[in-house]
C-alpha atoms as a PDB file:
ATOM      1  CA  UNK A   1       0.000   0.000   0.000  1.00  0.00           C
ATOM      2  CA  UNK A   2       1.259   3.531  -0.686  1.00  0.00           C
ATOM      3  CA  UNK A   3       2.888   5.181   2.322  1.00  0.00           C
ATOM      4  CA  UNK A   4       1.254   8.328   3.682  1.00  0.00           C
ATOM      5  CA  UNK A   5       3.283  11.147   5.249  1.00  0.00           C
ATOM      6  CA  UNK A   6       3.071  11.073   9.056  1.00  0.00           C
ATOM      7  CA  UNK A   7       0.475  13.488  10.415  1.00  0.00           C
ATOM      8  CA  UNK A   8       3.058  14.966  12.798  1.00  0.00           C
ATOM      9  CA  UNK A   9       5.342  16.027   9.922  1.00  0.00           C
ATOM     10  CA  UNK A  10       3.430  18.263   7.512  1.00  0.00           C
ATOM     11  CA  UNK A  11       5.009  18.444   4.079  1.00  0.00           C
ATOM     12  CA  UNK A  12       5.174  22.244   4.189  1.00  0.00           C
ATOM     13  CA  UNK A  13       7.099  22.094   7.491  1.00  0.00           C
ATOM     14  CA  UNK A  14       9.546  19.582   6.003  1.00  0.00           C
ATOM     15  CA  UNK A  15      10.044  21.917   3.038  1.00  0.00           C
ATOM     16  CA  UNK A  16      10.948  24.814   5.351  1.00  0.00           C
ATOM     17  CA  UNK A  17      13.505  22.616   7.116  1.00  0.00           C
ATOM     18  CA  UNK A  18      14.989  21.699   3.747  1.00  0.00           C
ATOM     19  CA  UNK A  19      15.305  25.367   2.779  1.00  0.00           C
ATOM     20  CA  UNK A  20      17.159  26.136   6.015  1.00  0.00           C
ATOM     21  CA  UNK A  21      19.492  23.178   5.462  1.00  0.00           C
ATOM     22  CA  UNK A  22      20.216  24.298   1.898  1.00  0.00           C
ATOM     23  CA  UNK A  23      21.026  27.808   3.128  1.00  0.00           C
ATOM     24  CA  UNK A  24      23.480  26.399   5.671  1.00  0.00           C
ATOM     25  CA  UNK A  25      25.198  24.483   2.859  1.00  0.00           C
ATOM     26  CA  UNK A  26      25.334  27.678   0.783  1.00  0.00           C
ATOM     27  CA  UNK A  27      26.890  29.584   3.712  1.00  0.00           C
ATOM     28  CA  UNK A  28      29.432  26.836   4.419  1.00  0.00           C
ATOM     29  CA  UNK A  29      30.657  26.883   0.811  1.00  0.00           C
ATOM     30  CA  UNK A  30      30.944  30.682   0.878  1.00  0.00           C
ATOM     31  CA  UNK A  31      32.967  30.629   4.115  1.00  0.00           C
ATOM     32  CA  UNK A  32      35.254  27.923   2.756  1.00  0.00           C
ATOM     33  CA  UNK A  33      35.960  29.889  -0.410  1.00  0.00           C
ATOM     34  CA  UNK A  34      36.559  33.120   1.485  1.00  0.00           C
ATOM     35  CA  UNK A  35      39.074  31.322   3.687  1.00  0.00           C
ATOM     36  CA  UNK A  36      40.763  29.759   0.643  1.00  0.00           C
ATOM     37  CA  UNK A  37      40.948  33.103  -1.157  1.00  0.00           C
ATOM     38  CA  UNK A  38      42.436  34.801   1.877  1.00  0.00           C
ATOM     39  CA  UNK A  39      45.036  32.054   2.211  1.00  0.00           C
ATOM     40  CA  UNK A  40      46.318  32.118  -1.368  1.00  0.00           C
ATOM     41  CA  UNK A  41      45.745  35.778  -2.178  1.00  0.00           C
ATOM     42  CA  UNK A  42      43.548  34.954  -5.159  1.00  0.00           C
ATOM     43  CA  UNK A  43      40.011  35.972  -6.000  1.00  0.00           C
ATOM     44  CA  UNK A  44      37.343  33.309  -6.317  1.00  0.00           C
ATOM     45  CA  UNK A  45      36.864  32.980 -10.080  1.00  0.00           C
ATOM     46  CA  UNK A  46      36.066  29.865 -12.056  1.00  0.00           C
ATOM     47  CA  UNK A  47      32.911  28.464 -13.506  1.00  0.00           C
ATOM     48  CA  UNK A  48      29.676  30.364 -13.638  1.00  0.00           C
ATOM     49  CA  UNK A  49      27.476  27.318 -14.210  1.00  0.00           C
ATOM     50  CA  UNK A  50      27.639  23.600 -14.874  1.00  0.00           C
ATOM     51  CA  UNK A  51      30.306  23.239 -17.523  1.00  0.00           C
ATOM     52  CA  UNK A  52      30.790  26.878 -18.526  1.00  0.00           C
ATOM     53  CA  UNK A  53      34.026  28.682 -17.719  1.00  0.00           C
ATOM     54  CA  UNK A  54      34.026  32.429 -17.189  1.00  0.00           C
ATOM     55  CA  UNK A  55      36.580  34.480 -19.085  1.00  0.00           C
ATOM     56  CA  UNK A  56      37.679  38.070 -19.371  1.00  0.00           C
ATOM     57  CA  UNK A  57      37.895  38.279 -23.140  1.00  0.00           C
ATOM     58  CA  UNK A  58      35.934  40.736 -25.262  1.00  0.00           C
ATOM     59  CA  UNK A  59      32.253  39.974 -25.435  1.00  0.00           C
ATOM     60  CA  UNK A  60      31.365  37.997 -28.594  1.00  0.00           C
ATOM     61  CA  UNK A  61      28.107  38.606 -30.382  1.00  0.00           C
ATOM     62  CA  UNK A  62      25.251  36.542 -28.980  1.00  0.00           C
ATOM     63  CA  UNK A  63      23.151  34.427 -31.333  1.00  0.00           C
ATOM     64  CA  UNK A  64      19.436  35.193 -31.646  1.00  0.00           C
ATOM     65  CA  UNK A  65      17.694  32.452 -33.623  1.00  0.00           C
ATOM     66  CA  UNK A  66      14.133  32.754 -32.319  1.00  0.00           C
ATOM     67  CA  UNK A  67      11.130  34.946 -32.943  1.00  0.00           C
ATOM     68  CA  UNK A  68      12.144  37.617 -30.457  1.00  0.00           C
ATOM     69  CA  UNK A  69      15.296  39.103 -28.971  1.00  0.00           C
ATOM     70  CA  UNK A  70      16.388  37.423 -25.740  1.00  0.00           C
ATOM     71  CA  UNK A  71      18.500  38.998 -22.970  1.00  0.00           C
ATOM     72  CA  UNK A  72      22.246  38.892 -23.507  1.00  0.00           C
ATOM     73  CA  UNK A  73      25.350  39.238 -21.334  1.00  0.00           C
ATOM     74  CA  UNK A  74      26.435  40.957 -19.274  1.00  0.00           C
ATOM     75  CA  UNK A  75      23.571  40.219 -16.917  1.00  0.00           C
ATOM     76  CA  UNK A  76      23.201  42.294 -13.739  1.00  0.00           C
ATOM     77  CA  UNK A  77      25.406  41.024 -10.941  1.00  0.00           C
ATOM     78  CA  UNK A  78      23.264  39.309  -8.312  1.00  0.00           C
ATOM     79  CA  UNK A  79      23.283  36.479  -5.822  1.00  0.00           C
ATOM     80  CA  UNK A  80      20.171  34.814  -4.375  1.00  0.00           C
ATOM     81  CA  UNK A  81      19.626  32.999  -1.114  1.00  0.00           C
ATOM     82  CA  UNK A  82      18.592  29.362  -1.410  1.00  0.00           C
ATOM     83  CA  UNK A  83      16.303  28.021  -2.746  1.00  0.00           C
ATOM     84  CA  UNK A  84      16.231  31.016  -5.134  1.00  0.00           C
ATOM     85  CA  UNK A  85      13.120  33.048  -5.845  1.00  0.00           C
ATOM     86  CA  UNK A  86      12.236  33.934  -9.416  1.00  0.00           C
ATOM     87  CA  UNK A  87      10.585  37.231  -8.469  1.00  0.00           C
ATOM     88  CA  UNK A  88      13.978  38.450  -7.173  1.00  0.00           C
ATOM     89  CA  UNK A  89      15.806  37.882 -10.469  1.00  0.00           C
ATOM     90  CA  UNK A  90      16.801  40.741 -12.781  1.00  0.00           C
ATOM     91  CA  UNK A  91      15.848  40.446 -15.561  1.00  0.00           C
ATOM     92  CA  UNK A  92      12.862  38.237 -14.842  1.00  0.00           C
ATOM     93  CA  UNK A  93      13.111  34.937 -16.749  1.00  0.00           C
ATOM     94  CA  UNK A  94      10.914  34.723 -19.820  1.00  0.00           C
ATOM     95  CA  UNK A  95       8.419  31.856 -19.680  1.00  0.00           C
ATOM     96  CA  UNK A  96       5.334  32.952 -21.625  1.00  0.00           C
ATOM     97  CA  UNK A  97       6.489  31.981 -25.151  1.00  0.00           C
ATOM     98  CA  UNK A  98       4.033  34.503 -26.651  1.00  0.00           C
ATOM     99  CA  UNK A  99       4.562  33.273 -30.223  1.00  0.00           C
ATOM    100  CA  UNK A 100       3.779  29.655 -29.311  1.00  0.00           C
ATOM    101  CA  UNK A 101       0.235  28.772 -30.384  1.00  0.00           C
ATOM    102  CA  UNK A 102      -1.380  25.778 -28.694  1.00  0.00           C
ATOM    103  CA  UNK A 103      -3.171  23.104 -30.717  1.00  0.00           C
ATOM    104  CA  UNK A 104      -4.613  20.687 -28.120  1.00  0.00           C
ATOM    105  CA  UNK A 105      -1.563  18.413 -28.130  1.00  0.00           C
ATOM    106  CA  UNK A 106      -2.309  17.620 -24.468  1.00  0.00           C
ATOM    107  CA  UNK A 107      -6.088  18.041 -24.535  1.00  0.00           C
ATOM    108  CA  UNK A 108      -7.552  17.113 -21.112  1.00  0.00           C
ATOM    109  CA  UNK A 109      -4.276  15.555 -19.948  1.00  0.00           C
ATOM    110  CA  UNK A 110      -3.135  15.912 -16.336  1.00  0.00           C
ATOM    111  CA  UNK A 111       0.514  16.634 -15.563  1.00  0.00           C
ATOM    112  CA  UNK A 112       2.670  16.950 -12.458  1.00  0.00           C
ATOM    113  CA  UNK A 113       5.696  19.257 -12.687  1.00  0.00           C
ATOM    114  CA  UNK A 114       8.164  19.237  -9.795  1.00  0.00           C
ATOM    115  CA  UNK A 115      10.001  22.501  -9.320  1.00  0.00           C
ATOM    116  CA  UNK A 116       7.057  24.065 -11.128  1.00  0.00           C
ATOM    117  CA  UNK A 117       7.141  27.358  -9.253  1.00  0.00           C
ATOM    118  CA  UNK A 118       9.881  28.908 -11.404  1.00  0.00           C
ATOM    119  CA  UNK A 119      12.390  28.521 -14.215  1.00  0.00           C
ATOM    120  CA  UNK A 120      11.960  25.652 -16.634  1.00  0.00           C
ATOM    121  CA  UNK A 121       9.197  24.125 -14.512  1.00  0.00           C
ATOM    122  CA  UNK A 122       7.044  27.251 -14.703  1.00  0.00           C
ATOM    123  CA  UNK A 123       7.524  27.578 -18.462  1.00  0.00           C
ATOM    124  CA  UNK A 124       6.594  23.908 -18.937  1.00  0.00           C
ATOM    125  CA  UNK A 125       3.475  24.238 -16.788  1.00  0.00           C
ATOM    126  CA  UNK A 126       2.284  27.239 -18.818  1.00  0.00           C
ATOM    127  CA  UNK A 127       2.810  25.559 -22.195  1.00  0.00           C
ATOM    128  CA  UNK A 128       1.219  22.333 -21.000  1.00  0.00           C
ATOM    129  CA  UNK A 129      -1.832  24.387 -20.028  1.00  0.00           C
ATOM    130  CA  UNK A 130      -1.798  26.128 -23.410  1.00  0.00           C
ATOM    131  CA  UNK A 131      -1.917  22.672 -24.982  1.00  0.00           C
ATOM    132  CA  UNK A 132      -4.952  21.722 -22.903  1.00  0.00           C
ATOM    133  CA  UNK A 133      -3.561  20.086 -19.746  1.00  0.00           C
ATOM    134  CA  UNK A 134      -4.440  20.607 -16.097  1.00  0.00           C
ATOM    135  CA  UNK A 135      -1.242  20.910 -14.057  1.00  0.00           C
ATOM    136  CA  UNK A 136      -0.114  20.221 -10.499  1.00  0.00           C
ATOM    137  CA  UNK A 137       3.079  22.044  -9.544  1.00  0.00           C
ATOM    138  CA  UNK A 138       5.286  20.944  -6.654  1.00  0.00           C
ATOM    139  CA  UNK A 139       7.683  23.304  -4.888  1.00  0.00           C
ATOM    140  CA  UNK A 140       9.542  23.875  -1.609  1.00  0.00           C
ATOM    141  CA  UNK A 141       8.678  27.218   0.013  1.00  0.00           C
ATOM    142  CA  UNK A 142       8.596  29.508  -3.050  1.00  0.00           C
ATOM    143  CA  UNK A 143       4.956  30.352  -2.390  1.00  0.00           C
ATOM    144  CA  UNK A 144       4.911  33.729  -4.150  1.00  0.00           C
ATOM    145  CA  UNK A 145       6.496  32.270  -7.280  1.00  0.00           C
ATOM    146  CA  UNK A 146       4.155  29.269  -7.219  1.00  0.00           C
ATOM    147  CA  UNK A 147       1.126  31.565  -7.167  1.00  0.00           C
ATOM    148  CA  UNK A 148       2.432  33.342 -10.273  1.00  0.00           C
ATOM    149  CA  UNK A 149       2.654  29.982 -12.031  1.00  0.00           C
ATOM    150  CA  UNK A 150      -0.851  29.084 -10.888  1.00  0.00           C
ATOM    151  CA  UNK A 151      -2.226  32.373 -12.183  1.00  0.00           C
ATOM    152  CA  UNK A 152      -0.687  31.903 -15.617  1.00  0.00           C
ATOM    153  CA  UNK A 153      -1.872  28.300 -15.912  1.00  0.00           C
ATOM    154  CA  UNK A 154      -5.386  29.483 -15.099  1.00  0.00           C
ATOM    155  CA  UNK A 155      -5.066  32.329 -17.606  1.00  0.00           C
ATOM    156  CA  UNK A 156      -4.548  29.597 -20.208  1.00  0.00           C
ATOM    157  CA  UNK A 157      -7.984  28.259 -19.242  1.00  0.00           C
ATOM    158  CA  UNK A 158      -6.815  25.233 -17.265  1.00  0.00           C
ATOM    159  CA  UNK A 159      -6.800  24.187 -13.608  1.00  0.00           C
ATOM    160  CA  UNK A 160      -3.693  24.312 -11.411  1.00  0.00           C
ATOM    161  CA  UNK A 161      -2.978  22.579  -8.099  1.00  0.00           C
ATOM    162  CA  UNK A 162      -0.089  23.940  -5.999  1.00  0.00           C
ATOM    163  CA  UNK A 163       1.560  21.592  -3.486  1.00  0.00           C
ATOM    164  CA  UNK A 164       4.449  22.523  -1.168  1.00  0.00           C
ATOM    165  CA  UNK A 165       6.824  19.836   0.046  1.00  0.00           C
ATOM    166  CA  UNK A 166      10.131  18.039  -0.385  1.00  0.00           C
ATOM    167  CA  UNK A 167      10.642  15.369  -3.070  1.00  0.00           C
ATOM    168  CA  UNK A 168      13.352  13.854  -0.871  1.00  0.00           C
ATOM    169  CA  UNK A 169      10.460  12.402   1.159  1.00  0.00           C
ATOM    170  CA  UNK A 170       8.770   9.449  -0.592  1.00  0.00           C
ATOM    171  CA  UNK A 171       5.682   9.930   1.569  1.00  0.00           C
ATOM    172  CA  UNK A 172       5.280  13.476   0.285  1.00  0.00           C
ATOM    173  CA  UNK A 173       5.629  12.260  -3.309  1.00  0.00           C
ATOM    174  CA  UNK A 174       2.918   9.663  -2.827  1.00  0.00           C
ATOM    175  CA  UNK A 175       0.640  12.200  -1.169  1.00  0.00           C
ATOM    176  CA  UNK A 176       1.203  14.755  -3.956  1.00  0.00           C
ATOM    177  CA  UNK A 177       0.294  12.186  -6.616  1.00  0.00           C
ATOM    178  CA  UNK A 178      -2.797  11.140  -4.663  1.00  0.00           C
ATOM    179  CA  UNK A 179      -3.932  14.751  -4.285  1.00  0.00           C
ATOM    180  CA  UNK A 180      -3.428  15.352  -7.996  1.00  0.00           C
ATOM    181  CA  UNK A 181      -5.444  12.291  -9.004  1.00  0.00           C
ATOM    182  CA  UNK A 182      -8.154  13.147  -6.472  1.00  0.00           C
ATOM    183  CA  UNK A 183      -8.404  16.687  -7.853  1.00  0.00           C
ATOM    184  CA  UNK A 184      -8.199  15.955 -11.577  1.00  0.00           C
ATOM    185  CA  UNK A 185      -9.219  12.306 -11.903  1.00  0.00           C
ATOM    186  CA  UNK A 186      -6.161  10.988 -13.731  1.00  0.00           C
ATOM    187  CA  UNK A 187      -2.439  11.403 -14.389  1.00  0.00           C
ATOM    188  CA  UNK A 188      -0.828  11.379 -17.836  1.00  0.00           C
ATOM    189  CA  UNK A 189       2.527  13.147 -17.578  1.00  0.00           C
ATOM    190  CA  UNK A 190       5.175  13.409 -14.873  1.00  0.00           C
ATOM    191  CA  UNK A 191       7.937  15.997 -15.258  1.00  0.00           C
ATOM    192  CA  UNK A 192      10.770  15.439 -12.796  1.00  0.00           C
ATOM    193  CA  UNK A 193      12.461  18.823 -12.644  1.00  0.00           C
ATOM    194  CA  UNK A 194      13.213  19.821  -9.031  1.00  0.00           C
ATOM    195  CA  UNK A 195      16.942  20.167  -8.331  1.00  0.00           C
ATOM    196  CA  UNK A 196      19.541  21.314  -5.819  1.00  0.00           C
ATOM    197  CA  UNK A 197      22.834  22.795  -7.024  1.00  0.00           C
ATOM    198  CA  UNK A 198      25.709  24.251  -5.021  1.00  0.00           C
ATOM    199  CA  UNK A 199      29.218  24.353  -6.459  1.00  0.00           C
ATOM    200  CA  UNK A 200      32.234  23.184  -4.453  1.00  0.00           C
ATOM    201  CA  UNK A 201      35.868  23.773  -5.426  1.00  0.00           C
ATOM    202  CA  UNK A 202      37.293  20.423  -4.275  1.00  0.00           C
ATOM    203  CA  UNK A 203      36.040  16.960  -3.414  1.00  0.00           C
ATOM    204  CA  UNK A 204      37.559  17.316   0.072  1.00  0.00           C
ATOM    205  CA  UNK A 205      35.415  20.403   0.674  1.00  0.00           C
ATOM    206  CA  UNK A 206      32.204  18.598  -0.293  1.00  0.00           C
ATOM    207  CA  UNK A 207      30.543  17.885   3.050  1.00  0.00           C
ATOM    208  CA  UNK A 208      28.397  14.830   3.649  1.00  0.00           C
ATOM    209  CA  UNK A 209      25.375  17.057   4.256  1.00  0.00           C
ATOM    210  CA  UNK A 210      25.965  18.822   0.936  1.00  0.00           C
ATOM    211  CA  UNK A 211      26.450  15.528  -0.910  1.00  0.00           C
ATOM    212  CA  UNK A 212      23.304  13.945   0.507  1.00  0.00           C
ATOM    213  CA  UNK A 213      21.221  17.035  -0.231  1.00  0.00           C
ATOM    214  CA  UNK A 214      22.186  16.795  -3.897  1.00  0.00           C
ATOM    215  CA  UNK A 215      21.809  13.027  -4.180  1.00  0.00           C
ATOM    216  CA  UNK A 216      18.498  12.813  -2.339  1.00  0.00           C
ATOM    217  CA  UNK A 217      16.936  15.748  -4.193  1.00  0.00           C
ATOM    218  CA  UNK A 218      18.227  15.241  -7.714  1.00  0.00           C
ATOM    219  CA  UNK A 219      18.145  11.481  -8.203  1.00  0.00           C
ATOM    220  CA  UNK A 220      16.298   9.901  -5.257  1.00  0.00           C
ATOM    221  CA  UNK A 221      13.509  12.465  -5.706  1.00  0.00           C
ATOM    222  CA  UNK A 222      13.098  11.355  -9.325  1.00  0.00           C
ATOM    223  CA  UNK A 223      12.819   7.723  -8.230  1.00  0.00           C
ATOM    224  CA  UNK A 224      10.274   8.623  -5.523  1.00  0.00           C
ATOM    225  CA  UNK A 225       8.085  10.614  -7.912  1.00  0.00           C
ATOM    226  CA  UNK A 226       8.181   8.035 -10.714  1.00  0.00           C
ATOM    227  CA  UNK A 227       7.367   5.198  -8.312  1.00  0.00           C
ATOM    228  CA  UNK A 228       4.458   7.139  -6.836  1.00  0.00           C
ATOM    229  CA  UNK A 229       3.100   8.087 -10.276  1.00  0.00           C
ATOM    230  CA  UNK A 230       3.354   4.709 -12.005  1.00  0.00           C
ATOM    231  CA  UNK A 231       0.180   3.099 -10.573  1.00  0.00           C
ATOM    232  CA  UNK A 232      -1.800   5.913 -12.214  1.00  0.00           C
ATOM    233  CA  UNK A 233      -0.029   6.102 -15.591  1.00  0.00           C
ATOM    234  CA  UNK A 234      -1.666   4.320 -18.510  1.00  0.00           C
ATOM    235  CA  UNK A 235      -0.623   3.349 -22.006  1.00  0.00           C
ATOM    236  CA  UNK A 236       0.367   6.554 -23.813  1.00  0.00           C
ATOM    237  CA  UNK A 237       1.579   8.324 -20.670  1.00  0.00           C
ATOM    238  CA  UNK A 238       4.979   9.985 -20.418  1.00  0.00           C
ATOM    239  CA  UNK A 239       7.694  10.649 -17.866  1.00  0.00           C
ATOM    240  CA  UNK A 240      10.114  13.472 -18.669  1.00  0.00           C
ATOM    241  CA  UNK A 241      13.257  13.999 -16.592  1.00  0.00           C
ATOM    242  CA  UNK A 242      15.330  17.173 -16.564  1.00  0.00           C
ATOM    243  CA  UNK A 243      18.948  16.216 -17.050  1.00  0.00           C
ATOM    244  CA  UNK A 244      21.780  18.585 -17.913  1.00  0.00           C
ATOM    245  CA  UNK A 245      24.748  19.111 -20.180  1.00  0.00           C
ATOM    246  CA  UNK A 246      26.812  18.511 -17.008  1.00  0.00           C
ATOM    247  CA  UNK A 247      25.548  14.930 -17.074  1.00  0.00           C
ATOM    248  CA  UNK A 248      27.084  14.557 -20.529  1.00  0.00           C
ATOM    249  CA  UNK A 249      30.321  16.513 -20.141  1.00  0.00           C
ATOM    250  CA  UNK A 250      30.945  16.784 -16.402  1.00  0.00           C
ATOM    251  CA  UNK A 251      31.695  19.953 -14.456  1.00  0.00           C
ATOM    252  CA  UNK A 252      34.840  20.793 -12.530  1.00  0.00           C
ATOM    253  CA  UNK A 253      33.129  22.394  -9.532  1.00  0.00           C
ATOM    254  CA  UNK A 254      29.781  20.617  -9.675  1.00  0.00           C
ATOM    255  CA  UNK A 255      31.025  17.108  -8.919  1.00  0.00           C
ATOM    256  CA  UNK A 256      27.910  15.969  -7.078  1.00  0.00           C
ATOM    257  CA  UNK A 257      25.415  17.814  -9.291  1.00  0.00           C
ATOM    258  CA  UNK A 258      26.966  16.532 -12.524  1.00  0.00           C
ATOM    259  CA  UNK A 259      27.035  13.006 -11.115  1.00  0.00           C
ATOM    260  CA  UNK A 260      23.315  13.148 -10.340  1.00  0.00           C
ATOM    261  CA  UNK A 261      22.534  14.477 -13.806  1.00  0.00           C
ATOM    262  CA  UNK A 262      24.477  11.600 -15.354  1.00  0.00           C
ATOM    263  CA  UNK A 263      22.497   9.269 -13.110  1.00  0.00           C
ATOM    264  CA  UNK A 264      19.256  10.883 -14.316  1.00  0.00           C
ATOM    265  CA  UNK A 265      20.244  10.146 -17.904  1.00  0.00           C
ATOM    266  CA  UNK A 266      20.967   6.504 -17.027  1.00  0.00           C
ATOM    267  CA  UNK A 267      17.719   6.296 -15.048  1.00  0.00           C
ATOM    268  CA  UNK A 268      15.850   7.635 -18.079  1.00  0.00           C
ATOM    269  CA  UNK A 269      17.306   5.020 -20.427  1.00  0.00           C
ATOM    270  CA  UNK A 270      16.731   2.213 -17.927  1.00  0.00           C
ATOM    271  CA  UNK A 271      13.181   3.179 -17.027  1.00  0.00           C
ATOM    272  CA  UNK A 272      12.309   3.611 -20.713  1.00  0.00           C
ATOM    273  CA  UNK A 273      13.324   0.015 -21.280  1.00  0.00           C
ATOM    274  CA  UNK A 274      11.527  -1.142 -18.134  1.00  0.00           C
ATOM    275  CA  UNK A 275       8.225   0.504 -19.089  1.00  0.00           C
ATOM    276  CA  UNK A 276       8.236  -0.064 -22.838  1.00  0.00           C
ATOM    277  CA  UNK A 277       5.810  -2.986 -22.703  1.00  0.00           C
ATOM    278  CA  UNK A 278       3.384  -0.856 -20.677  1.00  0.00           C
ATOM    279  CA  UNK A 279       3.313   1.828 -23.372  1.00  0.00           C
ATOM    280  CA  UNK A 280       4.776   4.497 -21.070  1.00  0.00           C
ATOM    281  CA  UNK A 281       7.469   6.596 -22.694  1.00  0.00           C
ATOM    282  CA  UNK A 282      10.400   7.955 -20.658  1.00  0.00           C
ATOM    283  CA  UNK A 283      12.701  10.676 -21.968  1.00  0.00           C
ATOM    284  CA  UNK A 284      14.942  13.450 -20.708  1.00  0.00           C
ATOM    285  CA  UNK A 285      15.818  16.993 -21.698  1.00  0.00           C
ATOM    286  CA  UNK A 286      19.458  18.000 -21.187  1.00  0.00           C
ATOM    287  CA  UNK A 287      19.571  21.806 -20.984  1.00  0.00           C
ATOM    288  CA  UNK A 288      22.605  23.987 -21.327  1.00  0.00           C
ATOM    289  CA  UNK A 289      22.743  27.278 -19.376  1.00  0.00           C
ATOM    290  CA  UNK A 290      19.235  28.589 -18.682  1.00  0.00           C
ATOM    291  CA  UNK A 291      18.328  31.823 -16.897  1.00  0.00           C
ATOM    292  CA  UNK A 292      16.534  30.530 -13.791  1.00  0.00           C
ATOM    293  CA  UNK A 293      17.044  31.031 -10.029  1.00  0.00           C
ATOM    294  CA  UNK A 294      19.255  27.910  -9.847  1.00  0.00           C
ATOM    295  CA  UNK A 295      22.590  29.472 -10.844  1.00  0.00           C
ATOM    296  CA  UNK A 296      22.203  32.912  -9.220  1.00  0.00           C
ATOM    297  CA  UNK A 297      21.473  30.976  -5.991  1.00  0.00           C
ATOM    298  CA  UNK A 298      24.768  29.134  -6.499  1.00  0.00           C
ATOM    299  CA  UNK A 299      27.336  31.543  -7.912  1.00  0.00           C
ATOM    300  CA  UNK A 300      28.700  34.983  -7.087  1.00  0.00           C
ATOM    301  CA  UNK A 301      27.270  38.066  -8.734  1.00  0.00           C
ATOM    302  CA  UNK A 302      30.441  38.430 -10.816  1.00  0.00           C
ATOM    303  CA  UNK A 303      30.060  34.938 -12.240  1.00  0.00           C
ATOM    304  CA  UNK A 304      26.334  35.388 -12.838  1.00  0.00           C
ATOM    305  CA  UNK A 305      27.037  38.439 -15.020  1.00  0.00           C
ATOM    306  CA  UNK A 306      28.734  36.205 -17.608  1.00  0.00           C
ATOM    307  CA  UNK A 307      26.513  33.167 -17.157  1.00  0.00           C
ATOM    308  CA  UNK A 308      26.152  31.273 -20.434  1.00  0.00           C
ATOM    309  CA  UNK A 309      28.471  33.590 -22.360  1.00  0.00           C
ATOM    310  CA  UNK A 310      30.710  30.735 -23.480  1.00  0.00           C
ATOM    311  CA  UNK A 311      27.872  28.584 -24.821  1.00  0.00           C
ATOM    312  CA  UNK A 312      27.660  28.194 -28.587  1.00  0.00           C
ATOM    313  CA  UNK A 313      25.045  30.972 -28.713  1.00  0.00           C
ATOM    314  CA  UNK A 314      27.081  33.191 -26.346  1.00  0.00           C
ATOM    315  CA  UNK A 315      24.142  33.698 -23.974  1.00  0.00           C
ATOM    316  CA  UNK A 316      21.937  31.695 -21.613  1.00  0.00           C
ATOM    317  CA  UNK A 317      18.616  30.338 -22.815  1.00  0.00           C
ATOM    318  CA  UNK A 318      15.353  31.646 -21.462  1.00  0.00           C
ATOM    319  CA  UNK A 319      12.943  29.048 -20.003  1.00  0.00           C
ATOM    320  CA  UNK A 320      10.499  29.637 -22.864  1.00  0.00           C
ATOM    321  CA  UNK A 321      13.174  28.335 -25.245  1.00  0.00           C
ATOM    322  CA  UNK A 322      13.213  24.987 -23.377  1.00  0.00           C
ATOM    323  CA  UNK A 323       9.527  24.369 -22.690  1.00  0.00           C
ATOM    324  CA  UNK A 324       8.489  23.365 -26.245  1.00  0.00           C
ATOM    325  CA  UNK A 325      10.863  20.396 -25.984  1.00  0.00           C
ATOM    326  CA  UNK A 326       8.845  19.143 -23.015  1.00  0.00           C
ATOM    327  CA  UNK A 327       5.601  19.539 -24.948  1.00  0.00           C
ATOM    328  CA  UNK A 328       7.103  17.486 -27.780  1.00  0.00           C
ATOM    329  CA  UNK A 329       8.120  14.684 -25.423  1.00  0.00           C
ATOM    330  CA  UNK A 330       4.831  14.772 -23.472  1.00  0.00           C
ATOM    331  CA  UNK A 331       2.488  14.611 -26.455  1.00  0.00           C
ATOM    332  CA  UNK A 332       1.799  11.214 -28.041  1.00  0.00           C
ATOM    333  CA  UNK A 333       0.813  13.108 -31.182  1.00  0.00           C
ATOM    334  CA  UNK A 334       4.419  14.334 -31.491  1.00  0.00           C
ATOM    335  CA  UNK A 335       6.574  11.610 -29.971  1.00  0.00           C
ATOM    336  CA  UNK A 336       4.726   8.293 -29.819  1.00  0.00           C
ATOM    337  CA  UNK A 337       7.857   6.500 -31.096  1.00  0.00           C
ATOM    338  CA  UNK A 338      10.338   8.402 -28.911  1.00  0.00           C
ATOM    339  CA  UNK A 339      11.470   6.786 -25.676  1.00  0.00           C
ATOM    340  CA  UNK A 340      14.841   6.570 -23.987  1.00  0.00           C
ATOM    341  CA  UNK A 341      16.022   9.796 -25.627  1.00  0.00           C
ATOM    342  CA  UNK A 342      18.250  12.418 -24.021  1.00  0.00           C
ATOM    343  CA  UNK A 343      17.283  15.554 -25.923  1.00  0.00           C
ATOM    344  CA  UNK A 344      20.054  18.182 -25.767  1.00  0.00           C
ATOM    345  CA  UNK A 345      18.794  21.769 -25.719  1.00  0.00           C
ATOM    346  CA  UNK A 346      22.150  23.477 -25.297  1.00  0.00           C
ATOM    347  CA  UNK A 347      22.198  26.225 -27.904  1.00  0.00           C
ATOM    348  CA  UNK A 348      24.480  24.280 -30.195  1.00  0.00           C
ATOM    349  CA  UNK A 349      27.492  22.006 -29.955  1.00  0.00           C
ATOM    350  CA  UNK A 350      29.755  22.370 -26.960  1.00  0.00           C
ATOM    351  CA  UNK A 351      33.459  22.853 -27.347  1.00  0.00           C
END
């Protein structure tokens, strides 16, 4: 029988504890780097996201290949407290995809999107609604951001359920799925997207608390959500996991994060094979640098200013440039013969 979260440990309370733990990890890394910088007389430079090195060379021209001009570097210097709130970002990430016209690709589907309060998750929830789906979004304590997502899903004419909690807890995952099915009557698509990222300069400096936070959020959380969702998924359903270019190429200062993203890719391939006979497709999207709260809640303001500048397009993506890939993988009209794919959305070849 599915496990229920204990009555004495409300999911929202667990989420607040997780936020405080993540902030302690963030502070510990900052203190360690300040101490290291003071000891060797060097400033704390290095990578500004998973797999992208900062550099001081002249700014190359950014590539604009879409229907509207997207923000380019340099971005305003800023640093966010964990877990990172979208409403505090400057510029605000673009998620509306105003030129995307829905065509009922997900008519009357029901989807769960973890990390749906902001970033890629918010953009996916909005486009899913534009394609006809009702959406449940899961988040930690980003209540203000989650309400913005809810409002935009409803503006698309669909229903939205907002659930606060921690995907590290399998009981919360089971309860969130149950609440979604109770509210909407079915479940067709699961998007595993919630993530924790905090860089660390050396393996020796990676604390056990930091390591477990990354492992339990980024890979165990995906297992918990998929296991909870599976009893409700029918032939034609889809699971979409958010991987990363770091899972393909590694990242010098994101050892734990990159390892979990590689694990997500392997989980995707394995689960696709496992569920093939049940007609449930499993795929992943591997983004490059995307302007969301994740990296400004990880890196210094100086690094954030050049975030994504060394990608092939010389700029970070906006969430609205990623979300159509999730629609493609969710819709059986588009991708009925696609399973076990790791779809790179990285702005071009890396290297």
